[in-house]
Structures are given as C-alpha cells and as structure tokens.
Amino acid sequence: LTAVSKYAAEVMPNKFAQLKVPTLLVSGEYDKIIPSALGRRASQLSQNVKYVEIPDTAHFPMLEAPGVYLEQVLEFICVS
C-alpha cells in the first residue's frame, strides 16, 4: 500500500468488488509502482476479475513482454 495513494488504497478495493463485467487485471512480477501483491488482492475481491502476473516484467508488461501480454489479452477476450 505504500506505492499507491491513500485514496486509491481506500476507494479502489470497493470499486473492484463492484465489478459486474469480466475484467482482466495484469501485473508485472517486479512492478514497484503497483506491486503485484496488490493486484492479486484486488482480483480476490470479485469473481469477475481474472488476474494475470507476467513474469520478469515490471510496470509495463505490455512493452517488456508484448507477446505474453497479447497472448493473455487474446485468451481473455476469446474466453470471456
């Protein structure tokens, strides 16, 4: 929680819990801005959230591992 604002730490969990549509939440394994542990916790607040952690990436997994990222997004779109 030290990486995000107080507002985000207090308000965002409630917003994740209210999601009513399938939602893909992607984290980079080594993200220091929004640590992957926060992503995992957020995904546990709603059955509508699919959580993916991309190994060996930080805050920009879509740039650091574009193939893996795209594969996850396409799988989510095709299944959801």
PDB file of N, CA and C in Angstrom:
ATOM      1  N   LEU A   1       0.808  -1.196   0.000  1.00  0.00           N
ATOM      2  CA  LEU A   1       0.000   0.000   0.000  1.00  0.00           C
ATOM      3  C   LEU A   1       0.852   1.262   0.000  1.00  0.00           C
ATOM      4  N   THR A   2       2.127   1.117   0.219  1.00  0.00           N
ATOM      5  CA  THR A   2       2.987   2.299   0.241  1.00  0.00           C
ATOM      6  C   THR A   2       3.199   2.879  -1.149  1.00  0.00           C
ATOM      7  N   ALA A   3       2.914   2.116  -2.175  1.00  0.00           N
ATOM      8  CA  ALA A   3       3.157   2.578  -3.540  1.00  0.00           C
ATOM      9  C   ALA A   3       1.977   3.329  -4.141  1.00  0.00           C
ATOM     10  N   VAL A   4       0.846   3.293  -3.468  1.00  0.00           N
ATOM     11  CA  VAL A   4      -0.335   3.964  -4.006  1.00  0.00           C
ATOM     12  C   VAL A   4      -0.827   5.018  -3.024  1.00  0.00           C
ATOM     13  N   SER A   5      -1.666   5.901  -3.506  1.00  0.00           N
ATOM     14  CA  SER A   5      -2.185   6.963  -2.644  1.00  0.00           C
ATOM     15  C   SER A   5      -3.174   6.405  -1.624  1.00  0.00           C
ATOM     16  N   LYS A   6      -3.396   7.164  -0.579  1.00  0.00           N
ATOM     17  CA  LYS A   6      -4.376   6.784   0.437  1.00  0.00           C
ATOM     18  C   LYS A   6      -5.758   6.620  -0.205  1.00  0.00           C
ATOM     19  N   TYR A   7      -6.107   7.540  -1.107  1.00  0.00           N
ATOM     20  CA  TYR A   7      -7.393   7.471  -1.801  1.00  0.00           C
ATOM     21  C   TYR A   7      -7.534   6.143  -2.548  1.00  0.00           C
ATOM     22  N   ALA A   8      -6.504   5.794  -3.305  1.00  0.00           N
ATOM     23  CA  ALA A   8      -6.562   4.553  -4.081  1.00  0.00           C
ATOM     24  C   ALA A   8      -6.658   3.337  -3.166  1.00  0.00           C
ATOM     25  N   ALA A   9      -5.935   3.366  -2.061  1.00  0.00           N
ATOM     26  CA  ALA A   9      -5.956   2.236  -1.138  1.00  0.00           C
ATOM     27  C   ALA A   9      -7.307   2.074  -0.468  1.00  0.00           C
ATOM     28  N   GLU A  10      -8.026   3.168  -0.277  1.00  0.00           N
ATOM     29  CA  GLU A  10      -9.320   3.101   0.399  1.00  0.00           C
ATOM     30  C   GLU A  10     -10.487   2.920  -0.561  1.00  0.00           C
ATOM     31  N   VAL A  11     -10.426   3.527  -1.736  1.00  0.00           N
ATOM     32  CA  VAL A  11     -11.555   3.529  -2.660  1.00  0.00           C
ATOM     33  C   VAL A  11     -11.500   2.378  -3.674  1.00  0.00           C
ATOM     34  N   MET A  12     -10.324   2.095  -4.195  1.00  0.00           N
ATOM     35  CA  MET A  12     -10.220   1.101  -5.267  1.00  0.00           C
ATOM     36  C   MET A  12     -10.709  -0.292  -4.868  1.00  0.00           C
ATOM     37  N   PRO A  13     -10.393  -0.794  -3.678  1.00  0.00           N
ATOM     38  CA  PRO A  13     -10.906  -2.131  -3.342  1.00  0.00           C
ATOM     39  C   PRO A  13     -12.424  -2.230  -3.463  1.00  0.00           C
ATOM     40  N   ASN A  14     -13.139  -1.218  -3.034  1.00  0.00           N
ATOM     41  CA  ASN A  14     -14.590  -1.222  -3.147  1.00  0.00           C
ATOM     42  C   ASN A  14     -15.017  -1.232  -4.614  1.00  0.00           C
ATOM     43  N   LYS A  15     -14.295  -0.515  -5.456  1.00  0.00           N
ATOM     44  CA  LYS A  15     -14.635  -0.475  -6.884  1.00  0.00           C
ATOM     45  C   LYS A  15     -14.417  -1.843  -7.527  1.00  0.00           C
ATOM     46  N   PHE A  16     -13.315  -2.507  -7.175  1.00  0.00           N
ATOM     47  CA  PHE A  16     -13.082  -3.850  -7.714  1.00  0.00           C
ATOM     48  C   PHE A  16     -14.185  -4.799  -7.278  1.00  0.00           C
ATOM     49  N   ALA A  17     -14.624  -4.704  -6.044  1.00  0.00           N
ATOM     50  CA  ALA A  17     -15.670  -5.584  -5.527  1.00  0.00           C
ATOM     51  C   ALA A  17     -16.994  -5.376  -6.253  1.00  0.00           C
ATOM     52  N   GLN A  18     -17.213  -4.206  -6.835  1.00  0.00           N
ATOM     53  CA  GLN A  18     -18.472  -3.892  -7.516  1.00  0.00           C
ATOM     54  C   GLN A  18     -18.468  -4.246  -9.001  1.00  0.00           C
ATOM     55  N   LEU A  19     -17.371  -4.721  -9.527  1.00  0.00           N
ATOM     56  CA  LEU A  19     -17.308  -5.031 -10.964  1.00  0.00           C
ATOM     57  C   LEU A  19     -18.357  -6.065 -11.335  1.00  0.00           C
ATOM     58  N   LYS A  20     -19.072  -5.778 -12.398  1.00  0.00           N
ATOM     59  CA  LYS A  20     -20.136  -6.679 -12.842  1.00  0.00           C
ATOM     60  C   LYS A  20     -19.840  -7.296 -14.207  1.00  0.00           C
ATOM     61  N   VAL A  21     -18.742  -6.909 -14.815  1.00  0.00           N
ATOM     62  CA  VAL A  21     -18.368  -7.453 -16.121  1.00  0.00           C
ATOM     63  C   VAL A  21     -17.016  -8.150 -15.998  1.00  0.00           C
ATOM     64  N   PRO A  22     -16.744  -9.120 -16.856  1.00  0.00           N
ATOM     65  CA  PRO A  22     -15.434  -9.761 -16.832  1.00  0.00           C
ATOM     66  C   PRO A  22     -14.329  -8.720 -17.030  1.00  0.00           C
ATOM     67  N   THR A  23     -13.320  -8.784 -16.181  1.00  0.00           N
ATOM     68  CA  THR A  23     -12.254  -7.800 -16.175  1.00  0.00           C
ATOM     69  C   THR A  23     -10.913  -8.511 -16.074  1.00  0.00           C
ATOM     70  N   LEU A  24      -9.982  -8.119 -16.916  1.00  0.00           N
ATOM     71  CA  LEU A  24      -8.632  -8.670 -16.881  1.00  0.00           C
ATOM     72  C   LEU A  24      -7.730  -7.696 -16.148  1.00  0.00           C
ATOM     73  N   LEU A  25      -7.044  -8.173 -15.129  1.00  0.00           N
ATOM     74  CA  LEU A  25      -6.110  -7.368 -14.354  1.00  0.00           C
ATOM     75  C   LEU A  25      -4.719  -7.966 -14.539  1.00  0.00           C
ATOM     76  N   VAL A  26      -3.825  -7.184 -15.137  1.00  0.00           N
ATOM     77  CA  VAL A  26      -2.482  -7.662 -15.453  1.00  0.00           C
ATOM     78  C   VAL A  26      -1.465  -6.933 -14.588  1.00  0.00           C
ATOM     79  N   SER A  27      -0.569  -7.700 -13.975  1.00  0.00           N
ATOM     80  CA  SER A  27       0.517  -7.131 -13.179  1.00  0.00           C
ATOM     81  C   SER A  27       1.853  -7.640 -13.701  1.00  0.00           C
ATOM     82  N   GLY A  28       2.865  -6.801 -13.540  1.00  0.00           N
ATOM     83  CA  GLY A  28       4.231  -7.240 -13.788  1.00  0.00           C
ATOM     84  C   GLY A  28       4.803  -7.790 -12.493  1.00  0.00           C
ATOM     85  N   GLU A  29       5.520  -8.869 -12.580  1.00  0.00           N
ATOM     86  CA  GLU A  29       6.056  -9.542 -11.396  1.00  0.00           C
ATOM     87  C   GLU A  29       6.869  -8.600 -10.505  1.00  0.00           C
ATOM     88  N   TYR A  30       7.648  -7.714 -11.110  1.00  0.00           N
ATOM     89  CA  TYR A  30       8.555  -6.848 -10.346  1.00  0.00           C
ATOM     90  C   TYR A  30       8.113  -5.379 -10.324  1.00  0.00           C
ATOM     91  N   ASP A  31       6.840  -5.142 -10.525  1.00  0.00           N
ATOM     92  CA  ASP A  31       6.333  -3.763 -10.531  1.00  0.00           C
ATOM     93  C   ASP A  31       6.525  -3.134  -9.148  1.00  0.00           C
ATOM     94  N   LYS A  32       7.214  -2.007  -9.093  1.00  0.00           N
ATOM     95  CA  LYS A  32       7.423  -1.312  -7.827  1.00  0.00           C
ATOM     96  C   LYS A  32       6.403  -0.184  -7.645  1.00  0.00           C
ATOM     97  N   ILE A  33       5.724   0.221  -8.711  1.00  0.00           N
ATOM     98  CA  ILE A  33       4.742   1.303  -8.629  1.00  0.00           C
ATOM     99  C   ILE A  33       3.416   0.757  -8.097  1.00  0.00           C
ATOM    100  N   ILE A  34       2.952  -0.329  -8.690  1.00  0.00           N
ATOM    101  CA  ILE A  34       1.756  -1.027  -8.197  1.00  0.00           C
ATOM    102  C   ILE A  34       2.162  -2.490  -8.035  1.00  0.00           C
ATOM    103  N   PRO A  35       2.653  -2.861  -6.870  1.00  0.00           N
ATOM    104  CA  PRO A  35       3.167  -4.216  -6.661  1.00  0.00           C
ATOM    105  C   PRO A  35       2.148  -5.300  -7.013  1.00  0.00           C
ATOM    106  N   SER A  36       2.657  -6.394  -7.540  1.00  0.00           N
ATOM    107  CA  SER A  36       1.778  -7.490  -7.963  1.00  0.00           C
ATOM    108  C   SER A  36       0.925  -8.018  -6.814  1.00  0.00           C
ATOM    109  N   ALA A  37       1.414  -7.931  -5.585  1.00  0.00           N
ATOM    110  CA  ALA A  37       0.612  -8.378  -4.430  1.00  0.00           C
ATOM    111  C   ALA A  37      -0.696  -7.593  -4.339  1.00  0.00           C
ATOM    112  N   LEU A  38      -0.658  -6.308  -4.691  1.00  0.00           N
ATOM    113  CA  LEU A  38      -1.896  -5.513  -4.681  1.00  0.00           C
ATOM    114  C   LEU A  38      -2.844  -5.982  -5.769  1.00  0.00           C
ATOM    115  N   GLY A  39      -2.300  -6.333  -6.925  1.00  0.00           N
ATOM    116  CA  GLY A  39      -3.135  -6.860  -7.999  1.00  0.00           C
ATOM    117  C   GLY A  39      -3.800  -8.159  -7.612  1.00  0.00           C
ATOM    118  N   ARG A  40      -3.022  -9.038  -6.997  1.00  0.00           N
ATOM    119  CA  ARG A  40      -3.591 -10.313  -6.530  1.00  0.00           C
ATOM    120  C   ARG A  40      -4.717 -10.073  -5.533  1.00  0.00           C
ATOM    121  N   ARG A  41      -4.484  -9.181  -4.580  1.00  0.00           N
ATOM    122  CA  ARG A  41      -5.518  -8.880  -3.576  1.00  0.00           C
ATOM    123  C   ARG A  41      -6.763  -8.288  -4.224  1.00  0.00           C
ATOM    124  N   ALA A  42      -6.572  -7.379  -5.147  1.00  0.00           N
ATOM    125  CA  ALA A  42      -7.707  -6.746  -5.819  1.00  0.00           C
ATOM    126  C   ALA A  42      -8.521  -7.785  -6.584  1.00  0.00           C
ATOM    127  N   SER A  43      -7.843  -8.717  -7.224  1.00  0.00           N
ATOM    128  CA  SER A  43      -8.558  -9.725  -8.020  1.00  0.00           C
ATOM    129  C   SER A  43      -9.390 -10.656  -7.155  1.00  0.00           C
ATOM    130  N   GLN A  44      -9.038 -10.789  -5.896  1.00  0.00           N
ATOM    131  CA  GLN A  44      -9.774 -11.671  -4.993  1.00  0.00           C
ATOM    132  C   GLN A  44     -11.069 -11.041  -4.489  1.00  0.00           C
ATOM    133  N   LEU A  45     -11.278  -9.776  -4.814  1.00  0.00           N
ATOM    134  CA  LEU A  45     -12.479  -9.078  -4.345  1.00  0.00           C
ATOM    135  C   LEU A  45     -13.690  -9.306  -5.234  1.00  0.00           C
ATOM    136  N   SER A  46     -13.470  -9.891  -6.401  1.00  0.00           N
ATOM    137  CA  SER A  46     -14.584 -10.116  -7.326  1.00  0.00           C
ATOM    138  C   SER A  46     -14.331 -11.363  -8.162  1.00  0.00           C
ATOM    139  N   GLN A  47     -15.355 -12.153  -8.327  1.00  0.00           N
ATOM    140  CA  GLN A  47     -15.256 -13.331  -9.193  1.00  0.00           C
ATOM    141  C   GLN A  47     -15.176 -12.928 -10.658  1.00  0.00           C
ATOM    142  N   ASN A  48     -15.456 -11.673 -10.953  1.00  0.00           N
ATOM    143  CA  ASN A  48     -15.410 -11.197 -12.339  1.00  0.00           C
ATOM    144  C   ASN A  48     -14.018 -10.784 -12.787  1.00  0.00           C
ATOM    145  N   VAL A  49     -13.051 -10.825 -11.879  1.00  0.00           N
ATOM    146  CA  VAL A  49     -11.697 -10.397 -12.220  1.00  0.00           C
ATOM    147  C   VAL A  49     -10.812 -11.608 -12.451  1.00  0.00           C
ATOM    148  N   LYS A  50     -10.181 -11.625 -13.621  1.00  0.00           N
ATOM    149  CA  LYS A  50      -9.149 -12.626 -13.899  1.00  0.00           C
ATOM    150  C   LYS A  50      -7.813 -11.923 -13.709  1.00  0.00           C
ATOM    151  N   TYR A  51      -6.962 -12.502 -12.882  1.00  0.00           N
ATOM    152  CA  TYR A  51      -5.658 -11.912 -12.584  1.00  0.00           C
ATOM    153  C   TYR A  51      -4.565 -12.660 -13.331  1.00  0.00           C
ATOM    154  N   VAL A  52      -3.675 -11.901 -13.958  1.00  0.00           N
ATOM    155  CA  VAL A  52      -2.520 -12.464 -14.646  1.00  0.00           C
ATOM    156  C   VAL A  52      -1.285 -11.695 -14.189  1.00  0.00           C
ATOM    157  N   GLU A  53      -0.284 -12.431 -13.755  1.00  0.00           N
ATOM    158  CA  GLU A  53       1.003 -11.826 -13.407  1.00  0.00           C
ATOM    159  C   GLU A  53       2.023 -12.286 -14.434  1.00  0.00           C
ATOM    160  N   ILE A  54       2.622 -11.327 -15.104  1.00  0.00           N
ATOM    161  CA  ILE A  54       3.578 -11.661 -16.161  1.00  0.00           C
ATOM    162  C   ILE A  54       4.982 -11.681 -15.557  1.00  0.00           C
ATOM    163  N   PRO A  55       5.641 -12.846 -15.622  1.00  0.00           N
ATOM    164  CA  PRO A  55       6.972 -12.993 -15.022  1.00  0.00           C
ATOM    165  C   PRO A  55       8.018 -12.095 -15.685  1.00  0.00           C
ATOM    166  N   ASP A  56       9.011 -11.739 -14.887  1.00  0.00           N
ATOM    167  CA  ASP A  56      10.182 -10.999 -15.379  1.00  0.00           C
ATOM    168  C   ASP A  56       9.841  -9.659 -16.017  1.00  0.00           C
ATOM    169  N   THR A  57       8.761  -9.034 -15.576  1.00  0.00           N
ATOM    170  CA  THR A  57       8.403  -7.703 -16.065  1.00  0.00           C
ATOM    171  C   THR A  57       8.148  -6.802 -14.864  1.00  0.00           C
ATOM    172  N   ALA A  58       8.113  -5.504 -15.133  1.00  0.00           N
ATOM    173  CA  ALA A  58       7.846  -4.538 -14.073  1.00  0.00           C
ATOM    174  C   ALA A  58       6.535  -3.815 -14.369  1.00  0.00           C
ATOM    175  N   HIS A  59       6.561  -2.476 -14.440  1.00  0.00           N
ATOM    176  CA  HIS A  59       5.324  -1.701 -14.557  1.00  0.00           C
ATOM    177  C   HIS A  59       4.715  -1.697 -15.957  1.00  0.00           C
ATOM    178  N   PHE A  60       5.476  -2.081 -16.966  1.00  0.00           N
ATOM    179  CA  PHE A  60       4.956  -2.060 -18.336  1.00  0.00           C
ATOM    180  C   PHE A  60       5.081  -3.430 -19.001  1.00  0.00           C
ATOM    181  N   PRO A  61       4.349  -4.430 -18.514  1.00  0.00           N
ATOM    182  CA  PRO A  61       4.468  -5.768 -19.108  1.00  0.00           C
ATOM    183  C   PRO A  61       4.080  -5.791 -20.581  1.00  0.00           C
ATOM    184  N   MET A  62       3.225  -4.848 -20.991  1.00  0.00           N
ATOM    185  CA  MET A  62       2.817  -4.828 -22.403  1.00  0.00           C
ATOM    186  C   MET A  62       3.966  -4.406 -23.309  1.00  0.00           C
ATOM    187  N   LEU A  63       4.963  -3.717 -22.750  1.00  0.00           N
ATOM    188  CA  LEU A  63       6.152  -3.319 -23.510  1.00  0.00           C
ATOM    189  C   LEU A  63       7.322  -4.266 -23.264  1.00  0.00           C
ATOM    190  N   GLU A  64       7.403  -4.809 -22.070  1.00  0.00           N
ATOM    191  CA  GLU A  64       8.522  -5.656 -21.685  1.00  0.00           C
ATOM    192  C   GLU A  64       8.375  -7.094 -22.183  1.00  0.00           C
ATOM    193  N   ALA A  65       7.157  -7.562 -22.321  1.00  0.00           N
ATOM    194  CA  ALA A  65       6.879  -8.919 -22.818  1.00  0.00           C
ATOM    195  C   ALA A  65       5.615  -8.863 -23.667  1.00  0.00           C
ATOM    196  N   PRO A  66       5.679  -8.155 -24.800  1.00  0.00           N
ATOM    197  CA  PRO A  66       4.456  -7.934 -25.585  1.00  0.00           C
ATOM    198  C   PRO A  66       3.792  -9.214 -26.062  1.00  0.00           C
ATOM    199  N   GLY A  67       4.563 -10.224 -26.393  1.00  0.00           N
ATOM    200  CA  GLY A  67       3.973 -11.478 -26.859  1.00  0.00           C
ATOM    201  C   GLY A  67       3.157 -12.164 -25.777  1.00  0.00           C
ATOM    202  N   VAL A  68       3.700 -12.222 -24.587  1.00  0.00           N
ATOM    203  CA  VAL A  68       2.999 -12.846 -23.456  1.00  0.00           C
ATOM    204  C   VAL A  68       1.759 -12.032 -23.109  1.00  0.00           C
ATOM    205  N   TYR A  69       1.919 -10.722 -23.084  1.00  0.00           N
ATOM    206  CA  TYR A  69       0.801  -9.837 -22.761  1.00  0.00           C
ATOM    207  C   TYR A  69      -0.340 -10.023 -23.770  1.00  0.00           C
ATOM    208  N   LEU A  70      -0.011  -9.973 -25.041  1.00  0.00           N
ATOM    209  CA  LEU A  70      -1.021 -10.120 -26.088  1.00  0.00           C
ATOM    210  C   LEU A  70      -1.701 -11.486 -26.016  1.00  0.00           C
ATOM    211  N   GLU A  71      -0.933 -12.509 -25.743  1.00  0.00           N
ATOM    212  CA  GLU A  71      -1.492 -13.852 -25.604  1.00  0.00           C
ATOM    213  C   GLU A  71      -2.539 -13.888 -24.486  1.00  0.00           C
ATOM    214  N   GLN A  72      -2.232 -13.253 -23.362  1.00  0.00           N
ATOM    215  CA  GLN A  72      -3.174 -13.228 -22.242  1.00  0.00           C
ATOM    216  C   GLN A  72      -4.432 -12.430 -22.564  1.00  0.00           C
ATOM    217  N   VAL A  73      -4.250 -11.306 -23.234  1.00  0.00           N
ATOM    218  CA  VAL A  73      -5.400 -10.468 -23.604  1.00  0.00           C
ATOM    219  C   VAL A  73      -6.292 -11.209 -24.601  1.00  0.00           C
ATOM    220  N   LEU A  74      -5.700 -11.824 -25.603  1.00  0.00           N
ATOM    221  CA  LEU A  74      -6.493 -12.566 -26.597  1.00  0.00           C
ATOM    222  C   LEU A  74      -7.216 -13.732 -25.965  1.00  0.00           C
ATOM    223  N   GLU A  75      -6.549 -14.449 -25.063  1.00  0.00           N
ATOM    224  CA  GLU A  75      -7.202 -15.567 -24.375  1.00  0.00           C
ATOM    225  C   GLU A  75      -8.389 -15.067 -23.559  1.00  0.00           C
ATOM    226  N   PHE A  76      -8.217 -13.951 -22.876  1.00  0.00           N
ATOM    227  CA  PHE A  76      -9.289 -13.382 -22.077  1.00  0.00           C
ATOM    228  C   PHE A  76     -10.465 -12.971 -22.954  1.00  0.00           C
ATOM    229  N   ILE A  77     -10.182 -12.319 -24.052  1.00  0.00           N
ATOM    230  CA  ILE A  77     -11.245 -11.853 -24.954  1.00  0.00           C
ATOM    231  C   ILE A  77     -12.004 -13.027 -25.556  1.00  0.00           C
ATOM    232  N   CYS A  78     -11.292 -14.060 -25.938  1.00  0.00           N
ATOM    233  CA  CYS A  78     -11.926 -15.205 -26.586  1.00  0.00           C
ATOM    234  C   CYS A  78     -12.714 -16.070 -25.612  1.00  0.00           C
ATOM    235  N   VAL A  79     -12.317 -16.095 -24.357  1.00  0.00           N
ATOM    236  CA  VAL A  79     -12.983 -16.939 -23.360  1.00  0.00           C
ATOM    237  C   VAL A  79     -14.118 -16.190 -22.683  1.00  0.00           C
ATOM    238  N   SER A  80     -13.930 -14.906 -22.457  1.00  0.00           N
ATOM    239  CA  SER A  80     -14.927 -14.130 -21.675  1.00  0.00           C
ATOM    240  C   SER A  80     -16.161 -13.797 -22.459  1.00  0.00           C
TER     241      SER A  80
END
